[in-house]
Amino acid sequence: SEATNFRLEYHRSYQILTVKRPYLGGQPVSYVLVRCGAPAPELTGELAHAPQITVPVRTLYSGSTTHLAMITELGQADVVTGVSSPAEVAHPQIRSRIDAGAIVGYAPGGQLNIESVLQAGPDVLVTEGVDDPGYPKLRETGIPVVADAEWLEPTPLGRAEWIKMFAALTSTERQAGQTYRQIRDGYHALSARAAAARSVDVLVGAMYSGNWSMPTGASYPGRLVADARGTYPWLSDTGAQNRQLNFESVYARAGNAPLWLVTDNWKTVSDAASQDSRYGELAAVRDGQVWSATKAVDQNGRNTYWERGTARPDLLLGDLVAILHPELAPGHDFAFYRQVPR
């Protein structure tokens, strides 16, 4: 298993789902998922007090847009009846349910509206991987709150494997096993193909509030670049997932990289220089090799990269391999990245 932050144990009529770190600094938490129609299991010790949830759940409130791509991959979009912030959702299938009034928002401006959740009484609320002071109140009134903390997984496949957690809640394990296997096999095949190529220098990250936020080798973007056989000076750093650097130190060590990977939705390369004039000094900007993960942005500026990328790291890696080694992927159909025109 690639995922290290959750574990599923199968018993006859129930499963035990354990999330090791429900949020940064959180203690492990377990849930007992009882198959519909089966008697409630008599459990002892720690598990005697674990919340019991009847599965498959019929109504699910989702705290993070990353869940939605996993749930739709399982064909379970109809189970979602609440999302924390409808305005952020890009997935077309979930959007149409929001527009039809089948999905409500329950945390306007990031503030959990406890009353509205209690009134709706969903079968389960899945968290966004942080702790909210309102969650204990929901638990007290009998609404199960399940921690989803896939963002604490260091590897792309580890995050994608959380599809199995949503499968356990919706009783679609077979589908999840099949889907995840295809994603994993596709990912491994791509990284094996890239491993045979020569490594390519890339620049990653960008300036935010005065610092260049540079992902290290311990980070999710860092892992993807390494698996695509890209390299940059901070990829050997471990520990923190990001380093905050000044522009000069980035320019000194990586200013000559021929490719720059960004998430900014620039229309042309000159937009980069107008955002920060120093960007104009980068080789990738001068030579017009800036690639942005904004191919899948809809007319309202919502980007499925943030949702679907977590569920489909095979597609993400496929894009990166095609950018770094175009000779390995002639005619590649990009899912998330586009080359920013000059």
C-alpha atoms as a PDB file:
ATOM      1  CA  SER A   1       0.000   0.000   0.000  1.00  0.00           C
ATOM      2  CA  GLU A   2       1.299   3.484  -0.881  1.00  0.00           C
ATOM      3  CA  ALA A   3      -0.912   5.346   1.584  1.00  0.00           C
ATOM      4  CA  THR A   4       0.560   5.476   5.076  1.00  0.00           C
ATOM      5  CA  ASN A   5      -1.987   7.669   6.847  1.00  0.00           C
ATOM      6  CA  PHE A   6      -5.013   5.353   6.869  1.00  0.00           C
ATOM      7  CA  ARG A   7      -5.662   1.666   7.365  1.00  0.00           C
ATOM      8  CA  LEU A   8      -8.719  -0.486   6.623  1.00  0.00           C
ATOM      9  CA  GLU A   9      -9.273  -3.804   8.410  1.00  0.00           C
ATOM     10  CA  TYR A  10     -11.978  -6.101   7.131  1.00  0.00           C
ATOM     11  CA  HIS A  11     -14.136  -8.185   9.474  1.00  0.00           C
ATOM     12  CA  ARG A  12     -17.216 -10.183   8.644  1.00  0.00           C
ATOM     13  CA  SER A  13     -19.976  -7.611   8.829  1.00  0.00           C
ATOM     14  CA  TYR A  14     -17.917  -4.495   9.508  1.00  0.00           C
ATOM     15  CA  GLN A  15     -14.622  -2.754   8.776  1.00  0.00           C
ATOM     16  CA  ILE A  16     -12.383  -0.655  10.949  1.00  0.00           C
ATOM     17  CA  LEU A  17     -11.082   2.524   9.340  1.00  0.00           C
ATOM     18  CA  THR A  18      -8.171   4.113  11.194  1.00  0.00           C
ATOM     19  CA  VAL A  19      -6.767   7.509  10.252  1.00  0.00           C
ATOM     20  CA  LYS A  20      -3.337   7.838  11.862  1.00  0.00           C
ATOM     21  CA  ARG A  21      -2.997  11.629  11.621  1.00  0.00           C
ATOM     22  CA  PRO A  22      -6.439  13.206  11.139  1.00  0.00           C
ATOM     23  CA  TYR A  23      -4.743  16.632  11.000  1.00  0.00           C
ATOM     24  CA  LEU A  24      -1.309  18.040  11.867  1.00  0.00           C
ATOM     25  CA  GLY A  25      -0.586  17.052  15.456  1.00  0.00           C
ATOM     26  CA  GLY A  26      -3.750  14.929  15.688  1.00  0.00           C
ATOM     27  CA  GLN A  27      -3.955  11.545  17.439  1.00  0.00           C
ATOM     28  CA  PRO A  28      -5.067   8.391  15.557  1.00  0.00           C
ATOM     29  CA  VAL A  29      -8.830   7.961  15.266  1.00  0.00           C
ATOM     30  CA  SER A  30     -10.853   4.869  14.328  1.00  0.00           C
ATOM     31  CA  TYR A  31     -14.330   4.384  12.881  1.00  0.00           C
ATOM     32  CA  VAL A  32     -16.381   1.207  12.648  1.00  0.00           C
ATOM     33  CA  LEU A  33     -18.164   0.869   9.317  1.00  0.00           C
ATOM     34  CA  VAL A  34     -21.078  -1.531   9.723  1.00  0.00           C
ATOM     35  CA  ARG A  35     -22.664  -3.092   6.683  1.00  0.00           C
ATOM     36  CA  CYS A  36     -26.291  -2.083   6.255  1.00  0.00           C
ATOM     37  CA  GLY A  37     -28.611  -4.688   7.814  1.00  0.00           C
ATOM     38  CA  ALA A  38     -25.868  -6.303   9.910  1.00  0.00           C
ATOM     39  CA  PRO A  39     -26.116  -6.195  13.707  1.00  0.00           C
ATOM     40  CA  ALA A  40     -23.962  -3.607  15.471  1.00  0.00           C
ATOM     41  CA  PRO A  41     -20.740  -5.359  16.496  1.00  0.00           C
ATOM     42  CA  GLU A  42     -19.922  -5.671  20.204  1.00  0.00           C
ATOM     43  CA  LEU A  43     -16.420  -4.244  20.429  1.00  0.00           C
ATOM     44  CA  THR A  44     -14.086  -3.917  23.399  1.00  0.00           C
ATOM     45  CA  GLY A  45     -11.217  -1.668  24.438  1.00  0.00           C
ATOM     46  CA  GLU A  46     -10.539   1.450  22.395  1.00  0.00           C
ATOM     47  CA  LEU A  47     -13.044   0.421  19.719  1.00  0.00           C
ATOM     48  CA  ALA A  48     -15.943   0.192  22.180  1.00  0.00           C
ATOM     49  CA  HIS A  49     -16.232   3.985  21.945  1.00  0.00           C
ATOM     50  CA  ALA A  50     -15.425   4.358  18.239  1.00  0.00           C
ATOM     51  CA  PRO A  51     -18.191   5.923  16.150  1.00  0.00           C
ATOM     52  CA  GLN A  52     -20.218   3.361  14.193  1.00  0.00           C
ATOM     53  CA  ILE A  53     -21.342   4.308  10.697  1.00  0.00           C
ATOM     54  CA  THR A  54     -23.788   2.314   8.596  1.00  0.00           C
ATOM     55  CA  VAL A  55     -22.470   1.768   5.063  1.00  0.00           C
ATOM     56  CA  PRO A  56     -23.065   2.393   2.278  1.00  0.00           C
ATOM     57  CA  VAL A  57     -23.752   6.010   3.283  1.00  0.00           C
ATOM     58  CA  ARG A  58     -26.557   7.637   1.296  1.00  0.00           C
ATOM     59  CA  THR A  59     -25.712  11.280   2.047  1.00  0.00           C
ATOM     60  CA  LEU A  60     -22.199  12.678   2.428  1.00  0.00           C
ATOM     61  CA  TYR A  61     -20.933  16.170   3.246  1.00  0.00           C
ATOM     62  CA  SER A  62     -17.485  16.832   1.775  1.00  0.00           C
ATOM     63  CA  GLY A  63     -15.024  19.282   3.339  1.00  0.00           C
ATOM     64  CA  SER A  64     -12.521  19.402   0.480  1.00  0.00           C
ATOM     65  CA  THR A  65     -12.798  19.540  -3.306  1.00  0.00           C
ATOM     66  CA  THR A  66     -10.093  16.822  -3.523  1.00  0.00           C
ATOM     67  CA  HIS A  67     -12.704  14.291  -2.327  1.00  0.00           C
ATOM     68  CA  LEU A  68     -15.025  15.019  -5.213  1.00  0.00           C
ATOM     69  CA  ALA A  69     -12.872  13.589  -7.991  1.00  0.00           C
ATOM     70  CA  MET A  70     -12.420  10.362  -6.009  1.00  0.00           C
ATOM     71  CA  ILE A  71     -16.127  10.066  -5.326  1.00  0.00           C
ATOM     72  CA  THR A  72     -17.004  10.680  -8.985  1.00  0.00           C
ATOM     73  CA  GLU A  73     -14.331   8.185 -10.134  1.00  0.00           C
ATOM     74  CA  LEU A  74     -16.376   5.655  -8.121  1.00  0.00           C
ATOM     75  CA  GLY A  75     -19.622   6.708  -9.815  1.00  0.00           C
ATOM     76  CA  GLN A  76     -20.964   8.012  -6.491  1.00  0.00           C
ATOM     77  CA  ALA A  77     -21.589  11.712  -7.256  1.00  0.00           C
ATOM     78  CA  ASP A  78     -25.239  11.311  -6.192  1.00  0.00           C
ATOM     79  CA  VAL A  79     -24.167  10.566  -2.611  1.00  0.00           C
ATOM     80  CA  VAL A  80     -22.709  14.072  -2.174  1.00  0.00           C
ATOM     81  CA  THR A  81     -25.362  16.367  -0.670  1.00  0.00           C
ATOM     82  CA  GLY A  82     -23.133  19.060   0.887  1.00  0.00           C
ATOM     83  CA  VAL A  83     -19.819  20.754   0.138  1.00  0.00           C
ATOM     84  CA  SER A  84     -18.071  23.283   2.352  1.00  0.00           C
ATOM     85  CA  SER A  85     -17.837  25.945  -0.366  1.00  0.00           C
ATOM     86  CA  PRO A  86     -19.855  25.445  -3.584  1.00  0.00           C
ATOM     87  CA  ALA A  87     -18.141  28.384  -5.351  1.00  0.00           C
ATOM     88  CA  GLU A  88     -14.817  26.513  -5.368  1.00  0.00           C
ATOM     89  CA  VAL A  89     -16.076  23.314  -6.985  1.00  0.00           C
ATOM     90  CA  ALA A  90     -14.923  22.752 -10.576  1.00  0.00           C
ATOM     91  CA  HIS A  91     -16.056  19.168 -11.259  1.00  0.00           C
ATOM     92  CA  PRO A  92     -18.845  19.391 -13.885  1.00  0.00           C
ATOM     93  CA  GLN A  93     -20.892  16.507 -12.465  1.00  0.00           C
ATOM     94  CA  ILE A  94     -20.851  17.981  -8.950  1.00  0.00           C
ATOM     95  CA  ARG A  95     -21.439  21.497 -10.331  1.00  0.00           C
ATOM     96  CA  SER A  96     -24.629  20.393 -12.050  1.00  0.00           C
ATOM     97  CA  ARG A  97     -25.859  18.917  -8.737  1.00  0.00           C
ATOM     98  CA  ILE A  98     -25.060  22.237  -7.022  1.00  0.00           C
ATOM     99  CA  ASP A  99     -26.950  24.157  -9.738  1.00  0.00           C
ATOM    100  CA  ALA A 100     -29.915  21.780  -9.383  1.00  0.00           C
ATOM    101  CA  GLY A 101     -30.026  22.407  -5.617  1.00  0.00           C
ATOM    102  CA  ALA A 102     -29.128  18.786  -4.781  1.00  0.00           C
ATOM    103  CA  ILE A 103     -25.927  19.916  -3.022  1.00  0.00           C
ATOM    104  CA  VAL A 104     -25.815  22.702  -0.431  1.00  0.00           C
ATOM    105  CA  GLY A 105     -22.919  24.711   1.002  1.00  0.00           C
ATOM    106  CA  TYR A 106     -22.386  24.255   4.745  1.00  0.00           C
ATOM    107  CA  ALA A 107     -19.257  26.314   5.569  1.00  0.00           C
ATOM    108  CA  PRO A 108     -19.610  29.785   4.034  1.00  0.00           C
ATOM    109  CA  GLY A 109     -16.309  31.673   4.180  1.00  0.00           C
ATOM    110  CA  GLY A 110     -14.697  28.664   5.854  1.00  0.00           C
ATOM    111  CA  GLN A 111     -17.026  28.883   8.888  1.00  0.00           C
ATOM    112  CA  LEU A 112     -18.836  25.625   9.665  1.00  0.00           C
ATOM    113  CA  ASN A 113     -22.591  26.314   9.943  1.00  0.00           C
ATOM    114  CA  ILE A 114     -23.405  23.786  12.658  1.00  0.00           C
ATOM    115  CA  GLU A 115     -27.169  24.435  12.635  1.00  0.00           C
ATOM    116  CA  SER A 116     -27.535  23.760   8.914  1.00  0.00           C
ATOM    117  CA  VAL A 117     -25.553  20.495   9.161  1.00  0.00           C
ATOM    118  CA  LEU A 118     -27.630  19.320  12.144  1.00  0.00           C
ATOM    119  CA  GLN A 119     -30.827  20.138  10.295  1.00  0.00           C
ATOM    120  CA  ALA A 120     -29.776  18.227   7.164  1.00  0.00           C
ATOM    121  CA  GLY A 121     -28.417  15.308   9.210  1.00  0.00           C
ATOM    122  CA  PRO A 122     -26.060  13.769   6.601  1.00  0.00           C
ATOM    123  CA  ASP A 123     -24.948  10.142   7.116  1.00  0.00           C
ATOM    124  CA  VAL A 124     -21.342  11.361   7.329  1.00  0.00           C
ATOM    125  CA  LEU A 125     -19.286  14.552   7.121  1.00  0.00           C
ATOM    126  CA  VAL A 126     -15.764  14.062   5.744  1.00  0.00           C
ATOM    127  CA  THR A 127     -13.296  16.694   6.958  1.00  0.00           C
ATOM    128  CA  GLU A 128     -10.794  18.690   4.942  1.00  0.00           C
ATOM    129  CA  GLY A 129      -7.858  17.418   7.009  1.00  0.00           C
ATOM    130  CA  VAL A 130      -7.865  20.119   9.660  1.00  0.00           C
ATOM    131  CA  ASP A 131      -9.627  20.259  13.007  1.00  0.00           C
ATOM    132  CA  ASP A 132     -12.676  22.483  13.414  1.00  0.00           C
ATOM    133  CA  PRO A 133     -14.072  23.461  16.835  1.00  0.00           C
ATOM    134  CA  GLY A 134     -17.539  22.632  15.489  1.00  0.00           C
ATOM    135  CA  TYR A 135     -16.761  18.960  14.785  1.00  0.00           C
ATOM    136  CA  PRO A 136     -17.106  17.707  18.406  1.00  0.00           C
ATOM    137  CA  LYS A 137     -20.557  19.361  18.546  1.00  0.00           C
ATOM    138  CA  LEU A 138     -21.622  17.440  15.452  1.00  0.00           C
ATOM    139  CA  ARG A 139     -20.270  14.169  16.878  1.00  0.00           C
ATOM    140  CA  GLU A 140     -22.138  14.729  20.149  1.00  0.00           C
ATOM    141  CA  THR A 141     -25.424  14.954  18.277  1.00  0.00           C
ATOM    142  CA  GLY A 142     -24.705  11.715  16.413  1.00  0.00           C
ATOM    143  CA  ILE A 143     -23.450  12.971  13.034  1.00  0.00           C
ATOM    144  CA  PRO A 144     -20.306  10.986  12.223  1.00  0.00           C
ATOM    145  CA  VAL A 145     -17.341  13.188  11.309  1.00  0.00           C
ATOM    146  CA  VAL A 146     -14.663  11.222   9.447  1.00  0.00           C
ATOM    147  CA  ALA A 147     -11.161  12.655   9.050  1.00  0.00           C
ATOM    148  CA  ASP A 148      -9.784  12.793   5.536  1.00  0.00           C
ATOM    149  CA  ALA A 149      -6.130  13.802   5.640  1.00  0.00           C
ATOM    150  CA  GLU A 150      -4.820  12.658   2.279  1.00  0.00           C
ATOM    151  CA  TRP A 151      -2.860  15.925   2.033  1.00  0.00           C
ATOM    152  CA  LEU A 152      -0.492  14.576   4.711  1.00  0.00           C
ATOM    153  CA  GLU A 153       0.575  11.744   2.369  1.00  0.00           C
ATOM    154  CA  PRO A 154       4.009  12.536   0.929  1.00  0.00           C
ATOM    155  CA  THR A 155       3.576  10.609  -2.329  1.00  0.00           C
ATOM    156  CA  PRO A 156       1.221  11.157  -5.280  1.00  0.00           C
ATOM    157  CA  LEU A 157       0.062   7.514  -5.279  1.00  0.00           C
ATOM    158  CA  GLY A 158      -0.383   7.630  -1.506  1.00  0.00           C
ATOM    159  CA  ARG A 159      -2.868  10.481  -1.894  1.00  0.00           C
ATOM    160  CA  ALA A 160      -4.695   8.787  -4.749  1.00  0.00           C
ATOM    161  CA  GLU A 161      -5.139   5.624  -2.676  1.00  0.00           C
ATOM    162  CA  TRP A 162      -7.548   7.497  -0.395  1.00  0.00           C
ATOM    163  CA  ILE A 163     -10.124   6.591  -3.044  1.00  0.00           C
ATOM    164  CA  LYS A 164     -10.319   3.332  -1.026  1.00  0.00           C
ATOM    165  CA  MET A 165     -11.496   5.255   2.023  1.00  0.00           C
ATOM    166  CA  PHE A 166     -14.382   6.743   0.022  1.00  0.00           C
ATOM    167  CA  ALA A 167     -15.043   3.274  -1.393  1.00  0.00           C
ATOM    168  CA  ALA A 168     -15.356   1.870   2.145  1.00  0.00           C
ATOM    169  CA  LEU A 169     -17.945   4.555   2.966  1.00  0.00           C
ATOM    170  CA  THR A 170     -19.919   3.940  -0.243  1.00  0.00           C
ATOM    171  CA  SER A 171     -19.362   0.133  -0.463  1.00  0.00           C
ATOM    172  CA  THR A 172     -17.669   0.374  -3.860  1.00  0.00           C
ATOM    173  CA  GLU A 173     -14.447  -1.431  -2.935  1.00  0.00           C
ATOM    174  CA  ARG A 174     -14.233  -3.503  -6.094  1.00  0.00           C
ATOM    175  CA  GLN A 175     -14.519  -0.449  -8.298  1.00  0.00           C
ATOM    176  CA  ALA A 176     -11.896   1.379  -6.191  1.00  0.00           C
ATOM    177  CA  GLY A 177      -9.467  -1.532  -6.336  1.00  0.00           C
ATOM    178  CA  GLN A 178      -9.724  -1.634 -10.110  1.00  0.00           C
ATOM    179  CA  THR A 179      -9.479   2.149 -10.559  1.00  0.00           C
ATOM    180  CA  TYR A 180      -6.540   2.501  -8.185  1.00  0.00           C
ATOM    181  CA  ARG A 181      -4.669  -0.405  -9.805  1.00  0.00           C
ATOM    182  CA  GLN A 182      -4.975   1.240 -13.227  1.00  0.00           C
ATOM    183  CA  ILE A 183      -3.783   4.580 -11.826  1.00  0.00           C
ATOM    184  CA  ARG A 184      -0.846   2.935 -10.013  1.00  0.00           C
ATOM    185  CA  ASP A 185       0.201   0.798 -12.986  1.00  0.00           C
ATOM    186  CA  GLY A 186      -0.045   3.766 -15.344  1.00  0.00           C
ATOM    187  CA  TYR A 187       2.023   5.886 -12.983  1.00  0.00           C
ATOM    188  CA  HIS A 188       4.739   3.225 -12.588  1.00  0.00           C
ATOM    189  CA  ALA A 189       4.923   2.666 -16.354  1.00  0.00           C
ATOM    190  CA  LEU A 190       5.395   6.400 -16.962  1.00  0.00           C
ATOM    191  CA  SER A 191       8.066   6.802 -14.297  1.00  0.00           C
ATOM    192  CA  ALA A 192       9.928   3.751 -15.648  1.00  0.00           C
ATOM    193  CA  ARG A 193       9.877   5.242 -19.147  1.00  0.00           C
ATOM    194  CA  ALA A 194      11.122   8.602 -17.845  1.00  0.00           C
ATOM    195  CA  ALA A 195      13.831   6.951 -15.733  1.00  0.00           C
ATOM    196  CA  ALA A 196      15.559   5.804 -18.924  1.00  0.00           C
ATOM    197  CA  ALA A 197      15.788   9.380 -20.253  1.00  0.00           C
ATOM    198  CA  ARG A 198      18.415  11.942 -19.243  1.00  0.00           C
ATOM    199  CA  SER A 199      17.353  14.240 -16.443  1.00  0.00           C
ATOM    200  CA  VAL A 200      16.102  17.730 -17.331  1.00  0.00           C
ATOM    201  CA  ASP A 201      16.607  20.911 -15.281  1.00  0.00           C
ATOM    202  CA  VAL A 202      13.328  22.535 -14.293  1.00  0.00           C
ATOM    203  CA  LEU A 203      12.315  25.484 -12.181  1.00  0.00           C
ATOM    204  CA  VAL A 204       9.328  25.053  -9.846  1.00  0.00           C
ATOM    205  CA  GLY A 205       7.446  27.287  -7.431  1.00  0.00           C
ATOM    206  CA  ALA A 206       6.975  31.050  -7.626  1.00  0.00           C
ATOM    207  CA  MET A 207       7.039  34.240  -5.567  1.00  0.00           C
ATOM    208  CA  TYR A 208       4.260  34.613  -2.980  1.00  0.00           C
ATOM    209  CA  SER A 209       4.167  37.553  -0.551  1.00  0.00           C
ATOM    210  CA  GLY A 210       7.835  38.374  -1.027  1.00  0.00           C
ATOM    211  CA  ASN A 211       9.282  34.848  -0.928  1.00  0.00           C
ATOM    212  CA  TRP A 212       9.835  32.146  -3.496  1.00  0.00           C
ATOM    213  CA  SER A 213       7.957  29.119  -2.175  1.00  0.00           C
ATOM    214  CA  MET A 214      10.197  26.223  -3.221  1.00  0.00           C
ATOM    215  CA  PRO A 215       8.919  22.641  -2.846  1.00  0.00           C
ATOM    216  CA  THR A 216      11.577  20.236  -1.561  1.00  0.00           C
ATOM    217  CA  GLY A 217      12.086  16.564  -2.367  1.00  0.00           C
ATOM    218  CA  ALA A 218       9.831  15.748   0.607  1.00  0.00           C
ATOM    219  CA  SER A 219       6.874  17.475  -1.073  1.00  0.00           C
ATOM    220  CA  TYR A 220       4.160  16.268  -3.412  1.00  0.00           C
ATOM    221  CA  PRO A 221       5.233  18.476  -6.381  1.00  0.00           C
ATOM    222  CA  GLY A 222       8.847  17.516  -5.744  1.00  0.00           C
ATOM    223  CA  ARG A 223       8.028  13.809  -5.953  1.00  0.00           C
ATOM    224  CA  LEU A 224       6.185  14.294  -9.246  1.00  0.00           C
ATOM    225  CA  VAL A 225       9.088  16.191 -10.809  1.00  0.00           C
ATOM    226  CA  ALA A 226      11.559  13.532  -9.621  1.00  0.00           C
ATOM    227  CA  ASP A 227       9.357  10.731 -11.016  1.00  0.00           C
ATOM    228  CA  ALA A 228       9.216  12.580 -14.355  1.00  0.00           C
ATOM    229  CA  ARG A 229      13.058  12.621 -14.293  1.00  0.00           C
ATOM    230  CA  GLY A 230      13.312  16.323 -13.697  1.00  0.00           C
ATOM    231  CA  THR A 231      15.808  17.887 -11.363  1.00  0.00           C
ATOM    232  CA  TYR A 232      16.334  21.155  -9.485  1.00  0.00           C
ATOM    233  CA  PRO A 233      18.725  22.153  -6.691  1.00  0.00           C
ATOM    234  CA  TRP A 234      16.269  21.848  -3.774  1.00  0.00           C
ATOM    235  CA  LEU A 235      15.049  18.377  -4.702  1.00  0.00           C
ATOM    236  CA  SER A 236      17.664  16.835  -2.398  1.00  0.00           C
ATOM    237  CA  ASP A 237      16.309  18.787   0.595  1.00  0.00           C
ATOM    238  CA  THR A 238      14.206  16.744   2.988  1.00  0.00           C
ATOM    239  CA  GLY A 239      12.361  17.721   6.138  1.00  0.00           C
ATOM    240  CA  ALA A 240      10.060  20.664   5.454  1.00  0.00           C
ATOM    241  CA  GLN A 241       7.934  20.366   2.309  1.00  0.00           C
ATOM    242  CA  ASN A 242       8.604  23.968   1.263  1.00  0.00           C
ATOM    243  CA  ARG A 243      11.460  26.412   1.666  1.00  0.00           C
ATOM    244  CA  GLN A 244      10.913  30.163   1.595  1.00  0.00           C
ATOM    245  CA  LEU A 245      13.744  31.698  -0.465  1.00  0.00           C
ATOM    246  CA  ASN A 246      14.518  35.122  -1.871  1.00  0.00           C
ATOM    247  CA  PHE A 247      14.475  35.644  -5.618  1.00  0.00           C
ATOM    248  CA  GLU A 248      18.261  36.117  -5.835  1.00  0.00           C
ATOM    249  CA  SER A 249      19.108  32.731  -4.332  1.00  0.00           C
ATOM    250  CA  VAL A 250      16.664  30.969  -6.673  1.00  0.00           C
ATOM    251  CA  TYR A 251      17.995  32.881  -9.667  1.00  0.00           C
ATOM    252  CA  ALA A 252      21.619  32.105  -8.737  1.00  0.00           C
ATOM    253  CA  ARG A 253      21.027  28.341  -8.596  1.00  0.00           C
ATOM    254  CA  ALA A 254      18.176  27.708 -11.043  1.00  0.00           C
ATOM    255  CA  GLY A 255      17.726  30.826 -13.173  1.00  0.00           C
ATOM    256  CA  ASN A 256      19.075  29.005 -16.245  1.00  0.00           C
ATOM    257  CA  ALA A 257      16.605  26.096 -16.116  1.00  0.00           C
ATOM    258  CA  PRO A 258      15.005  25.777 -19.577  1.00  0.00           C
ATOM    259  CA  LEU A 259      11.537  24.895 -18.225  1.00  0.00           C
ATOM    260  CA  TRP A 260       9.409  26.552 -15.559  1.00  0.00           C
ATOM    261  CA  LEU A 261       6.345  24.838 -14.058  1.00  0.00           C
ATOM    262  CA  VAL A 262       3.765  27.200 -12.528  1.00  0.00           C
ATOM    263  CA  THR A 263       0.141  27.238 -11.388  1.00  0.00           C
ATOM    264  CA  ASP A 264      -0.470  30.905 -12.286  1.00  0.00           C
ATOM    265  CA  ASN A 265      -3.100  31.413 -14.988  1.00  0.00           C
ATOM    266  CA  TRP A 266      -1.006  33.733 -17.187  1.00  0.00           C
ATOM    267  CA  LYS A 267      -2.355  34.457 -20.664  1.00  0.00           C
ATOM    268  CA  THR A 268       1.116  35.116 -22.112  1.00  0.00           C
ATOM    269  CA  VAL A 269       4.689  34.885 -20.872  1.00  0.00           C
ATOM    270  CA  SER A 270       4.858  38.694 -20.625  1.00  0.00           C
ATOM    271  CA  ASP A 271       2.148  38.511 -17.920  1.00  0.00           C
ATOM    272  CA  ALA A 272       4.767  36.823 -15.742  1.00  0.00           C
ATOM    273  CA  ALA A 273       7.178  39.747 -16.076  1.00  0.00           C
ATOM    274  CA  SER A 274       4.411  42.258 -15.421  1.00  0.00           C
ATOM    275  CA  GLN A 275       3.556  40.388 -12.196  1.00  0.00           C
ATOM    276  CA  ASP A 276       7.211  40.538 -11.060  1.00  0.00           C
ATOM    277  CA  SER A 277       9.754  42.245 -13.314  1.00  0.00           C
ATOM    278  CA  ARG A 278      12.522  39.931 -12.061  1.00  0.00           C
ATOM    279  CA  TYR A 279      10.744  36.965 -13.682  1.00  0.00           C
ATOM    280  CA  GLY A 280      11.896  38.452 -17.010  1.00  0.00           C
ATOM    281  CA  GLU A 281      15.479  37.432 -16.150  1.00  0.00           C
ATOM    282  CA  LEU A 282      14.644  33.705 -16.033  1.00  0.00           C
ATOM    283  CA  ALA A 283      15.841  31.645 -19.003  1.00  0.00           C
ATOM    284  CA  ALA A 284      12.477  29.856 -19.254  1.00  0.00           C
ATOM    285  CA  VAL A 285      10.665  33.194 -19.552  1.00  0.00           C
ATOM    286  CA  ARG A 286      13.142  34.514 -22.138  1.00  0.00           C
ATOM    287  CA  ASP A 287      12.858  31.334 -24.236  1.00  0.00           C
ATOM    288  CA  GLY A 288       9.100  30.922 -23.770  1.00  0.00           C
ATOM    289  CA  GLN A 289       9.156  27.552 -21.993  1.00  0.00           C
ATOM    290  CA  VAL A 290       6.705  28.319 -19.200  1.00  0.00           C
ATOM    291  CA  TRP A 291       4.128  25.622 -18.505  1.00  0.00           C
ATOM    292  CA  SER A 292       1.078  26.301 -16.356  1.00  0.00           C
ATOM    293  CA  ALA A 293      -1.261  23.778 -14.699  1.00  0.00           C
ATOM    294  CA  THR A 294      -4.262  25.810 -15.859  1.00  0.00           C
ATOM    295  CA  LYS A 295      -5.410  23.973 -18.975  1.00  0.00           C
ATOM    296  CA  ALA A 296      -8.530  22.777 -17.144  1.00  0.00           C
ATOM    297  CA  VAL A 297      -9.781  26.170 -15.898  1.00  0.00           C
ATOM    298  CA  ASP A 298     -13.479  26.866 -16.536  1.00  0.00           C
ATOM    299  CA  GLN A 299     -14.987  30.239 -17.465  1.00  0.00           C
ATOM    300  CA  ASN A 300     -15.371  31.132 -13.774  1.00  0.00           C
ATOM    301  CA  GLY A 301     -11.692  30.550 -13.047  1.00  0.00           C
ATOM    302  CA  ARG A 302     -12.170  27.201 -11.271  1.00  0.00           C
ATOM    303  CA  ASN A 303      -9.357  24.744 -11.950  1.00  0.00           C
ATOM    304  CA  THR A 304      -9.966  20.972 -11.890  1.00  0.00           C
ATOM    305  CA  TYR A 305      -6.192  20.521 -11.422  1.00  0.00           C
ATOM    306  CA  TRP A 306      -6.653  21.029  -7.667  1.00  0.00           C
ATOM    307  CA  GLU A 307      -9.437  18.418  -7.483  1.00  0.00           C
ATOM    308  CA  ARG A 308      -8.705  15.835 -10.113  1.00  0.00           C
ATOM    309  CA  GLY A 309      -4.909  16.011  -9.879  1.00  0.00           C
ATOM    310  CA  THR A 310      -5.013  14.412  -6.424  1.00  0.00           C
ATOM    311  CA  ALA A 311      -7.174  11.532  -7.669  1.00  0.00           C
ATOM    312  CA  ARG A 312      -5.272  11.066 -10.946  1.00  0.00           C
ATOM    313  CA  PRO A 313      -1.511  11.437 -10.410  1.00  0.00           C
ATOM    314  CA  ASP A 314      -1.036   9.215 -13.483  1.00  0.00           C
ATOM    315  CA  LEU A 315      -2.462  12.023 -15.650  1.00  0.00           C
ATOM    316  CA  LEU A 316      -0.334  14.616 -13.845  1.00  0.00           C
ATOM    317  CA  LEU A 317       2.824  12.585 -14.350  1.00  0.00           C
ATOM    318  CA  GLY A 318       1.868  11.960 -17.982  1.00  0.00           C
ATOM    319  CA  ASP A 319       1.757  15.719 -18.560  1.00  0.00           C
ATOM    320  CA  LEU A 320       5.109  16.278 -16.833  1.00  0.00           C
ATOM    321  CA  VAL A 321       6.836  13.510 -18.794  1.00  0.00           C
ATOM    322  CA  ALA A 322       5.519  15.043 -22.034  1.00  0.00           C
ATOM    323  CA  ILE A 323       6.818  18.502 -21.010  1.00  0.00           C
ATOM    324  CA  LEU A 324      10.253  17.313 -19.855  1.00  0.00           C
ATOM    325  CA  HIS A 325      10.757  14.599 -22.494  1.00  0.00           C
ATOM    326  CA  PRO A 326       8.557  15.444 -25.515  1.00  0.00           C
ATOM    327  CA  GLU A 327      10.347  12.694 -27.480  1.00  0.00           C
ATOM    328  CA  LEU A 328       8.796  10.084 -25.125  1.00  0.00           C
ATOM    329  CA  ALA A 329       5.227  11.316 -25.633  1.00  0.00           C
ATOM    330  CA  PRO A 330       4.594  12.475 -29.199  1.00  0.00           C
ATOM    331  CA  GLY A 331       1.068  13.867 -29.669  1.00  0.00           C
ATOM    332  CA  HIS A 332       0.376  13.796 -25.917  1.00  0.00           C
ATOM    333  CA  ASP A 333      -3.128  14.957 -24.955  1.00  0.00           C
ATOM    334  CA  PHE A 334      -2.589  17.258 -21.961  1.00  0.00           C
ATOM    335  CA  ALA A 335      -4.964  16.913 -18.995  1.00  0.00           C
ATOM    336  CA  PHE A 336      -3.783  19.782 -16.766  1.00  0.00           C
ATOM    337  CA  TYR A 337      -0.794  21.643 -18.233  1.00  0.00           C
ATOM    338  CA  ARG A 338      -0.578  24.086 -21.125  1.00  0.00           C
ATOM    339  CA  GLN A 339       2.362  25.972 -22.547  1.00  0.00           C
ATOM    340  CA  VAL A 340       1.978  29.692 -21.833  1.00  0.00           C
ATOM    341  CA  PRO A 341       2.232  31.453 -25.246  1.00  0.00           C
ATOM    342  CA  ARG A 342       4.872  34.113 -25.810  1.00  0.00           C
END
